[in-house]
C-alpha atoms as a PDB file:
ATOM      1  CA  MET A   1      12.620  -0.669 -19.776  1.00  0.00           C
ATOM      2  CA  ASN A   2      10.199   0.069 -22.618  1.00  0.00           C
ATOM      3  CA  ASP A   3      11.541   2.847 -24.899  1.00  0.00           C
ATOM      4  CA  ALA A   4       8.131   4.521 -25.063  1.00  0.00           C
ATOM      5  CA  HIS A   5       7.978   4.651 -21.292  1.00  0.00           C
ATOM      6  CA  LEU A   6      11.495   6.081 -21.098  1.00  0.00           C
ATOM      7  CA  ARG A   7      10.600   8.839 -23.560  1.00  0.00           C
ATOM      8  CA  LEU A   8       7.439   9.573 -21.612  1.00  0.00           C
ATOM      9  CA  ILE A   9       9.379   9.903 -18.359  1.00  0.00           C
ATOM     10  CA  GLU A  10      11.843  12.229 -20.086  1.00  0.00           C
ATOM     11  CA  ASP A  11       8.960  14.397 -21.309  1.00  0.00           C
ATOM     12  CA  ILE A  12       7.322  14.407 -17.865  1.00  0.00           C
ATOM     13  CA  SER A  13      10.642  15.323 -16.269  1.00  0.00           C
ATOM     14  CA  LYS A  14      10.917  18.389 -18.503  1.00  0.00           C
ATOM     15  CA  LEU A  15       7.844  19.915 -16.888  1.00  0.00           C
ATOM     16  CA  PRO A  16       8.820  22.972 -14.807  1.00  0.00           C
ATOM     17  CA  PRO A  17       9.254  22.609 -11.028  1.00  0.00           C
ATOM     18  CA  ASP A  18       6.217  24.831 -10.452  1.00  0.00           C
ATOM     19  CA  TRP A  19       4.036  22.821 -12.850  1.00  0.00           C
ATOM     20  CA  HIS A  20       1.716  22.459  -9.881  1.00  0.00           C
ATOM     21  CA  ARG A  21       2.105  23.408  -6.235  1.00  0.00           C
ATOM     22  CA  ALA A  22       1.324  20.109  -4.529  1.00  0.00           C
ATOM     23  CA  GLY A  23       4.736  18.485  -5.023  1.00  0.00           C
ATOM     24  CA  SER A  24       5.826  15.957  -7.637  1.00  0.00           C
ATOM     25  CA  LEU A  25       7.533  12.596  -7.881  1.00  0.00           C
ATOM     26  CA  SER A  26      11.107  12.644  -9.123  1.00  0.00           C
ATOM     27  CA  PRO A  27      12.269  11.004 -12.376  1.00  0.00           C
ATOM     28  CA  ALA A  28      13.925   8.258 -10.306  1.00  0.00           C
ATOM     29  CA  VAL A  29      10.616   7.359  -8.669  1.00  0.00           C
ATOM     30  CA  LEU A  30       8.788   7.472 -12.017  1.00  0.00           C
ATOM     31  CA  ARG A  31      11.391   5.102 -13.490  1.00  0.00           C
ATOM     32  CA  GLY A  32      10.923   2.844 -10.481  1.00  0.00           C
ATOM     33  CA  MET A  33       7.187   2.765 -11.141  1.00  0.00           C
ATOM     34  CA  VAL A  34       7.766   1.562 -14.698  1.00  0.00           C
ATOM     35  CA  ARG A  35      10.479  -0.898 -13.712  1.00  0.00           C
ATOM     36  CA  HIS A  36       8.286  -2.600 -11.127  1.00  0.00           C
ATOM     37  CA  ALA A  37       5.132  -2.433 -13.241  1.00  0.00           C
ATOM     38  CA  GLU A  38       6.608  -4.020 -16.369  1.00  0.00           C
ATOM     39  CA  PRO A  39       7.042  -7.541 -14.887  1.00  0.00           C
ATOM     40  CA  ILE A  40       3.311  -7.555 -14.128  1.00  0.00           C
ATOM     41  CA  GLY A  41       2.523  -6.970 -17.794  1.00  0.00           C
ATOM     42  CA  THR A  42      -0.340  -4.719 -18.787  1.00  0.00           C
ATOM     43  CA  ILE A  43      -1.789  -2.994 -15.735  1.00  0.00           C
ATOM     44  CA  GLN A  44      -5.504  -3.582 -16.121  1.00  0.00           C
ATOM     45  CA  ASP A  45      -6.701  -1.602 -13.107  1.00  0.00           C
ATOM     46  CA  SER A  46      -4.872   0.876 -10.884  1.00  0.00           C
ATOM     47  CA  ALA A  47      -5.545   3.766  -8.534  1.00  0.00           C
ATOM     48  CA  GLU A  48      -3.824   6.602  -6.740  1.00  0.00           C
ATOM     49  CA  THR A  49      -4.592   9.251  -4.195  1.00  0.00           C
ATOM     50  CA  GLY A  50      -3.291  12.646  -5.164  1.00  0.00           C
ATOM     51  CA  SER A  51      -2.650  13.785  -8.712  1.00  0.00           C
ATOM     52  CA  GLY A  52       0.326  15.007 -10.714  1.00  0.00           C
ATOM     53  CA  LYS A  53       3.195  13.575 -12.722  1.00  0.00           C
ATOM     54  CA  SER A  54       2.338  10.088 -11.517  1.00  0.00           C
ATOM     55  CA  THR A  55      -1.102  10.504 -13.095  1.00  0.00           C
ATOM     56  CA  LEU A  56       0.439  11.331 -16.449  1.00  0.00           C
ATOM     57  CA  LEU A  57       2.511   8.148 -16.214  1.00  0.00           C
ATOM     58  CA  PHE A  58      -0.364   5.974 -14.994  1.00  0.00           C
ATOM     59  CA  SER A  59      -2.459   7.157 -17.944  1.00  0.00           C
ATOM     60  CA  HIS A  60      -0.024   5.269 -20.215  1.00  0.00           C
ATOM     61  CA  LEU A  61       0.713   2.318 -17.929  1.00  0.00           C
ATOM     62  CA  SER A  62      -2.842   1.314 -17.065  1.00  0.00           C
ATOM     63  CA  ARG A  63      -5.963   0.461 -19.026  1.00  0.00           C
ATOM     64  CA  SER A  64      -8.201   1.795 -16.259  1.00  0.00           C
ATOM     65  CA  HIS A  65      -6.938   4.235 -13.647  1.00  0.00           C
ATOM     66  CA  PHE A  66      -8.794   5.911 -10.781  1.00  0.00           C
ATOM     67  CA  VAL A  67      -7.547   9.181  -9.302  1.00  0.00           C
ATOM     68  CA  PHE A  68      -8.846  10.297  -5.911  1.00  0.00           C
ATOM     69  CA  ALA A  69      -7.743  13.882  -5.483  1.00  0.00           C
ATOM     70  CA  VAL A  70      -8.593  17.454  -4.570  1.00  0.00           C
ATOM     71  CA  ASP A  71      -7.244  20.315  -6.656  1.00  0.00           C
ATOM     72  CA  ALA A  72      -7.882  22.992  -4.033  1.00  0.00           C
ATOM     73  CA  GLY A  73      -6.336  25.610  -6.300  1.00  0.00           C
ATOM     74  CA  ASN A  74      -2.886  23.983  -6.393  1.00  0.00           C
ATOM     75  CA  GLY A  75      -3.217  22.825 -10.004  1.00  0.00           C
ATOM     76  CA  SER A  76      -2.628  19.135  -9.284  1.00  0.00           C
ATOM     77  CA  VAL A  77      -5.798  18.135 -11.152  1.00  0.00           C
ATOM     78  CA  THR A  78      -6.271  20.968 -13.647  1.00  0.00           C
ATOM     79  CA  GLN A  79      -2.677  20.836 -14.851  1.00  0.00           C
ATOM     80  CA  VAL A  80      -2.909  17.089 -15.444  1.00  0.00           C
ATOM     81  CA  LYS A  81      -6.143  17.388 -17.393  1.00  0.00           C
ATOM     82  CA  ALA A  82      -4.674  20.144 -19.573  1.00  0.00           C
ATOM     83  CA  SER A  83      -1.383  18.365 -20.301  1.00  0.00           C
ATOM     84  CA  PRO A  84      -0.715  16.999 -23.820  1.00  0.00           C
ATOM     85  CA  LEU A  85       1.009  14.081 -22.077  1.00  0.00           C
ATOM     86  CA  PHE A  86      -2.254  13.023 -20.442  1.00  0.00           C
ATOM     87  CA  ASN A  87      -4.227  10.096 -21.862  1.00  0.00           C
ATOM     88  CA  ALA A  88      -7.665  10.992 -20.562  1.00  0.00           C
ATOM     89  CA  SER A  89      -9.400   7.971 -22.120  1.00  0.00           C
ATOM     90  CA  VAL A  90      -8.305   5.583 -19.361  1.00  0.00           C
ATOM     91  CA  VAL A  91      -8.509   7.849 -16.289  1.00  0.00           C
ATOM     92  CA  THR A  92     -11.455   8.459 -13.982  1.00  0.00           C
ATOM     93  CA  PHE A  93     -11.174  11.350 -11.523  1.00  0.00           C
ATOM     94  CA  VAL A  94     -13.033  11.080  -8.241  1.00  0.00           C
ATOM     95  CA  GLU A  95     -12.664  14.590  -6.900  1.00  0.00           C
ATOM     96  CA  GLY A  96     -13.076  15.383  -3.236  1.00  0.00           C
ATOM     97  CA  PRO A  97     -11.344  14.560   0.055  1.00  0.00           C
ATOM     98  CA  THR A  98     -10.351  10.890   0.143  1.00  0.00           C
ATOM     99  CA  GLN A  99     -11.711  10.816   3.682  1.00  0.00           C
ATOM    100  CA  THR A 100     -15.194  10.959   2.121  1.00  0.00           C
ATOM    101  CA  THR A 101     -14.742   9.575  -1.411  1.00  0.00           C
ATOM    102  CA  LEU A 102     -12.961   6.297  -0.618  1.00  0.00           C
ATOM    103  CA  PRO A 103     -15.567   4.974   1.857  1.00  0.00           C
ATOM    104  CA  ARG A 104     -18.178   5.307  -0.906  1.00  0.00           C
ATOM    105  CA  GLN A 105     -16.036   3.710  -3.619  1.00  0.00           C
ATOM    106  CA  ILE A 106     -16.685   0.135  -4.719  1.00  0.00           C
ATOM    107  CA  PHE A 107     -13.969  -1.398  -6.867  1.00  0.00           C
ATOM    108  CA  ALA A 108     -15.444  -3.881  -9.329  1.00  0.00           C
ATOM    109  CA  LYS A 109     -12.064  -5.480 -10.039  1.00  0.00           C
ATOM    110  CA  PRO A 110      -8.841  -6.083  -8.102  1.00  0.00           C
ATOM    111  CA  LEU A 111      -6.085  -3.527  -8.547  1.00  0.00           C
ATOM    112  CA  GLN A 112      -2.599  -4.283  -9.826  1.00  0.00           C
ATOM    113  CA  MET A 113      -1.043  -1.006  -8.704  1.00  0.00           C
ATOM    114  CA  VAL A 114      -1.896   1.566  -6.018  1.00  0.00           C
ATOM    115  CA  LEU A 115      -0.079   4.774  -5.059  1.00  0.00           C
ATOM    116  CA  LEU A 116      -0.917   6.491  -1.771  1.00  0.00           C
ATOM    117  CA  ASP A 117      -0.025  10.180  -1.965  1.00  0.00           C
ATOM    118  CA  GLY A 118      -3.138  11.980  -0.777  1.00  0.00           C
ATOM    119  CA  PRO A 119      -3.601  13.892   2.486  1.00  0.00           C
ATOM    120  CA  HIS A 120      -0.556  13.354   4.685  1.00  0.00           C
ATOM    121  CA  GLY A 121      -1.859  14.174   8.168  1.00  0.00           C
ATOM    122  CA  TYR A 122      -2.521  11.315  10.563  1.00  0.00           C
ATOM    123  CA  PRO A 123      -4.699   9.205  10.334  1.00  0.00           C
ATOM    124  CA  PHE A 124      -5.601   9.910   6.703  1.00  0.00           C
ATOM    125  CA  PRO A 125      -2.897   7.834   4.934  1.00  0.00           C
ATOM    126  CA  ASP A 126      -3.826   4.940   7.247  1.00  0.00           C
ATOM    127  CA  LEU A 127      -7.461   5.418   6.259  1.00  0.00           C
ATOM    128  CA  GLU A 128      -6.516   5.242   2.579  1.00  0.00           C
ATOM    129  CA  TYR A 129      -4.561   2.039   3.189  1.00  0.00           C
ATOM    130  CA  TYR A 130      -7.595   0.551   4.947  1.00  0.00           C
ATOM    131  CA  TYR A 131      -9.775   0.996   1.874  1.00  0.00           C
ATOM    132  CA  PHE A 132      -7.165  -0.130  -0.648  1.00  0.00           C
ATOM    133  CA  TYR A 133      -5.324  -3.102   0.854  1.00  0.00           C
ATOM    134  CA  PRO A 134      -8.211  -5.592   0.459  1.00  0.00           C
ATOM    135  CA  VAL A 135      -8.455  -4.953  -3.305  1.00  0.00           C
ATOM    136  CA  ILE A 136      -4.756  -5.206  -4.249  1.00  0.00           C
ATOM    137  CA  GLN A 137      -4.345  -8.529  -6.020  1.00  0.00           C
ATOM    138  CA  PRO A 138      -1.467 -10.913  -5.199  1.00  0.00           C
ATOM    139  CA  GLY A 139       1.580  -9.756  -7.117  1.00  0.00           C
ATOM    140  CA  GLY A 140       0.184  -6.223  -7.271  1.00  0.00           C
ATOM    141  CA  LEU A 141       2.110  -3.153  -6.165  1.00  0.00           C
ATOM    142  CA  LEU A 142       1.538  -0.747  -3.289  1.00  0.00           C
ATOM    143  CA  LEU A 143       3.502   2.513  -3.362  1.00  0.00           C
ATOM    144  CA  LEU A 144       3.735   4.743  -0.294  1.00  0.00           C
ATOM    145  CA  ASP A 145       5.039   8.242  -0.869  1.00  0.00           C
ATOM    146  CA  ASP A 146       6.539  10.635   1.678  1.00  0.00           C
ATOM    147  CA  ILE A 147       7.582   7.983   4.180  1.00  0.00           C
ATOM    148  CA  GLN A 148       9.996  10.548   5.652  1.00  0.00           C
ATOM    149  CA  ILE A 149       6.984  12.055   7.452  1.00  0.00           C
ATOM    150  CA  PRO A 150       7.023  10.316  10.867  1.00  0.00           C
ATOM    151  CA  SER A 151       3.367   9.230  10.904  1.00  0.00           C
ATOM    152  CA  ILE A 152       3.591   7.848   7.356  1.00  0.00           C
ATOM    153  CA  GLY A 153       6.931   6.258   8.229  1.00  0.00           C
ATOM    154  CA  ARG A 154       5.205   4.467  11.100  1.00  0.00           C
ATOM    155  CA  MET A 155       2.563   3.141   8.714  1.00  0.00           C
ATOM    156  CA  PHE A 156       5.348   1.973   6.399  1.00  0.00           C
ATOM    157  CA  ASP A 157       7.080   0.203   9.301  1.00  0.00           C
ATOM    158  CA  ILE A 158       3.852  -1.667  10.063  1.00  0.00           C
ATOM    159  CA  ILE A 159       3.112  -2.685   6.464  1.00  0.00           C
ATOM    160  CA  ARG A 160       6.663  -3.711   5.558  1.00  0.00           C
ATOM    161  CA  VAL A 161       6.676  -6.507   8.164  1.00  0.00           C
ATOM    162  CA  ASP A 162       3.142  -7.656   7.432  1.00  0.00           C
ATOM    163  CA  GLY A 163       2.868 -11.042   5.768  1.00  0.00           C
ATOM    164  CA  MET A 164       0.587  -9.600   3.105  1.00  0.00           C
ATOM    165  CA  PHE A 165       3.364  -7.429   1.654  1.00  0.00           C
ATOM    166  CA  ARG A 166       7.055  -7.631   0.928  1.00  0.00           C
ATOM    167  CA  LEU A 167       9.307  -4.629   0.479  1.00  0.00           C
ATOM    168  CA  LEU A 168      10.833  -4.355  -2.996  1.00  0.00           C
ATOM    169  CA  GLU A 169      12.817  -1.149  -2.504  1.00  0.00           C
ATOM    170  CA  VAL A 170      12.731   2.446  -1.343  1.00  0.00           C
ATOM    171  CA  ILE A 171      13.541   5.184  -3.847  1.00  0.00           C
ATOM    172  CA  GLU A 172      14.128   8.510  -2.136  1.00  0.00           C
ATOM    173  CA  ASN A 173      10.970   8.900  -0.014  1.00  0.00           C
ATOM    174  CA  THR A 174       8.784   6.408  -1.876  1.00  0.00           C
ATOM    175  CA  ALA A 175       8.410   2.768  -0.790  1.00  0.00           C
ATOM    176  CA  PHE A 176       7.583   0.022  -3.283  1.00  0.00           C
ATOM    177  CA  LEU A 177       5.846  -3.031  -1.823  1.00  0.00           C
ATOM    178  CA  GLN A 178       4.328  -6.105  -3.456  1.00  0.00           C
ATOM    179  CA  ARG A 179       1.267  -8.035  -2.332  1.00  0.00           C
ATOM    180  CA  THR A 180       2.134 -11.615  -1.419  1.00  0.00           C
ATOM    181  CA  ASP A 181      -0.041 -14.730  -1.512  1.00  0.00           C
ATOM    182  CA  ALA A 182      -0.608 -14.496   2.250  1.00  0.00           C
ATOM    183  CA  PRO A 183      -4.266 -14.691   3.294  1.00  0.00           C
ATOM    184  CA  LEU A 184      -6.076 -11.370   3.498  1.00  0.00           C
ATOM    185  CA  ILE A 185      -6.589 -10.064   7.002  1.00  0.00           C
ATOM    186  CA  SER A 186     -10.259  -9.184   7.006  1.00  0.00           C
ATOM    187  CA  PRO A 187     -10.881  -5.424   7.223  1.00  0.00           C
ATOM    188  CA  THR A 188     -13.736  -6.124   9.640  1.00  0.00           C
ATOM    189  CA  SER A 189     -11.723  -8.340  12.009  1.00  0.00           C
ATOM    190  CA  ASP A 190      -9.416  -7.607  14.929  1.00  0.00           C
ATOM    191  CA  SER A 191      -6.497  -9.973  14.176  1.00  0.00           C
ATOM    192  CA  TRP A 192      -3.804  -7.733  15.645  1.00  0.00           C
ATOM    193  CA  TRP A 193      -1.892 -10.826  16.785  1.00  0.00           C
ATOM    194  CA  LEU A 194      -1.551 -11.961  13.152  1.00  0.00           C
ATOM    195  CA  GLN A 195       0.343  -8.835  12.118  1.00  0.00           C
ATOM    196  CA  GLY A 196       4.114  -8.970  11.933  1.00  0.00           C
ATOM    197  CA  TYR A 197       4.516  -5.623  13.679  1.00  0.00           C
ATOM    198  CA  ASN A 198       2.828  -7.070  16.784  1.00  0.00           C
ATOM    199  CA  ARG A 199       4.283 -10.594  16.622  1.00  0.00           C
ATOM    200  CA  ALA A 200       7.116 -10.152  19.121  1.00  0.00           C
ATOM    201  CA  TYR A 201       4.794  -8.557  21.683  1.00  0.00           C
ATOM    202  CA  TYR A 202       2.169 -11.264  21.198  1.00  0.00           C
ATOM    203  CA  GLN A 203       4.708 -14.064  21.616  1.00  0.00           C
ATOM    204  CA  GLU A 204       6.083 -12.382  24.716  1.00  0.00           C
ATOM    205  CA  MET A 205       2.564 -12.023  26.084  1.00  0.00           C
ATOM    206  CA  ILE A 206       1.501 -15.639  25.507  1.00  0.00           C
ATOM    207  CA  ALA A 207       4.812 -17.244  26.504  1.00  0.00           C
ATOM    208  CA  PRO A 208       4.085 -17.202  30.283  1.00  0.00           C
ATOM    209  CA  ARG A 209       0.644 -18.694  29.638  1.00  0.00           C
ATOM    210  CA  ALA A 210       2.100 -21.372  27.400  1.00  0.00           C
ATOM    211  CA  ASN A 211       4.759 -22.212  30.001  1.00  0.00           C
ATOM    212  CA  LEU A 212       2.098 -22.415  32.713  1.00  0.00           C
ATOM    213  CA  ALA A 213      -0.004 -24.749  30.589  1.00  0.00           C
ATOM    214  CA  VAL A 214       3.019 -27.002  30.021  1.00  0.00           C
ATOM    215  CA  ARG A 215       3.784 -27.088  33.753  1.00  0.00           C
ATOM    216  CA  LEU A 216       0.168 -27.927  34.610  1.00  0.00           C
ATOM    217  CA  TRP A 217       0.092 -30.687  31.998  1.00  0.00           C
ATOM    218  CA  ARG A 218       3.331 -32.185  33.302  1.00  0.00           C
ATOM    219  CA  SER A 219       1.987 -32.041  36.860  1.00  0.00           C
ATOM    220  CA  LEU A 220      -1.205 -33.796  35.775  1.00  0.00           C
ATOM    221  CA  LEU A 221       0.802 -36.526  34.046  1.00  0.00           C
ATOM    222  CA  HIS A 222       2.895 -36.954  37.183  1.00  0.00           C
ATOM    223  CA  VAL A 223      -0.223 -37.361  39.344  1.00  0.00           C
ATOM    224  CA  LEU A 224      -1.689 -39.887  36.881  1.00  0.00           C
ATOM    225  CA  ARG A 225       1.498 -41.931  36.947  1.00  0.00           C
ATOM    226  CA  ILE A 226       1.423 -42.017  40.763  1.00  0.00           C
ATOM    227  CA  LEU A 227      -2.214 -43.158  40.740  1.00  0.00           C
ATOM    228  CA  LEU A 228      -1.471 -45.877  38.221  1.00  0.00           C
ATOM    229  CA  VAL A 229       1.453 -47.137  40.303  1.00  0.00           C
ATOM    230  CA  ARG A 230      -0.700 -47.284  43.448  1.00  0.00           C
ATOM    231  CA  ARG A 231      -3.389 -49.268  41.646  1.00  0.00           C
ATOM    232  CA  THR A 232      -0.886 -51.844  40.518  1.00  0.00           C
END
């Protein structure tokens, strides 16, 4: 791991527990972010929902980082902006509820790293995933925080078995996934039968139909054989 990144994580970890009141990622998760980002090389474009210690780290990992967050008096944005550890030159804040800011956002370039840690109530993390998954480039990283929350855990269970992503590891309550080369499932399609989470149900559903089709085909072949025999 890069020495500069290690020193940065040490400095971030020294921030007091009440640095802001919206919760923070642990040093172990921050180290995981660096460890999984380094094989990619320089992160050209990244994004996160929520703001805090991860933002401080992203501001040194990425050349262009978008933050979709609401401060709401908890200090998650103001504390970051005021921190001497913050590299403001590469970060763009889009302040407001992600429920309204993400639908208006157009990403000009694919993203190499995305962290979802915004509003946690259902269906808002799912909504964030909807707007981000099409723009994560193959080999890029998707981080899901707070998967111990049942509704977010359900989303994690769905994504982890999807062909578009593979699970790298889980550190505490944060999942690290990587975009594969699998074709993108269009965000305007249905395609539920293509998703790994639904595969067993779909196969169970179509099996009787497939068996019926086989039986009908065999019966047709049998009738054709009989007709051919009679003609000869």
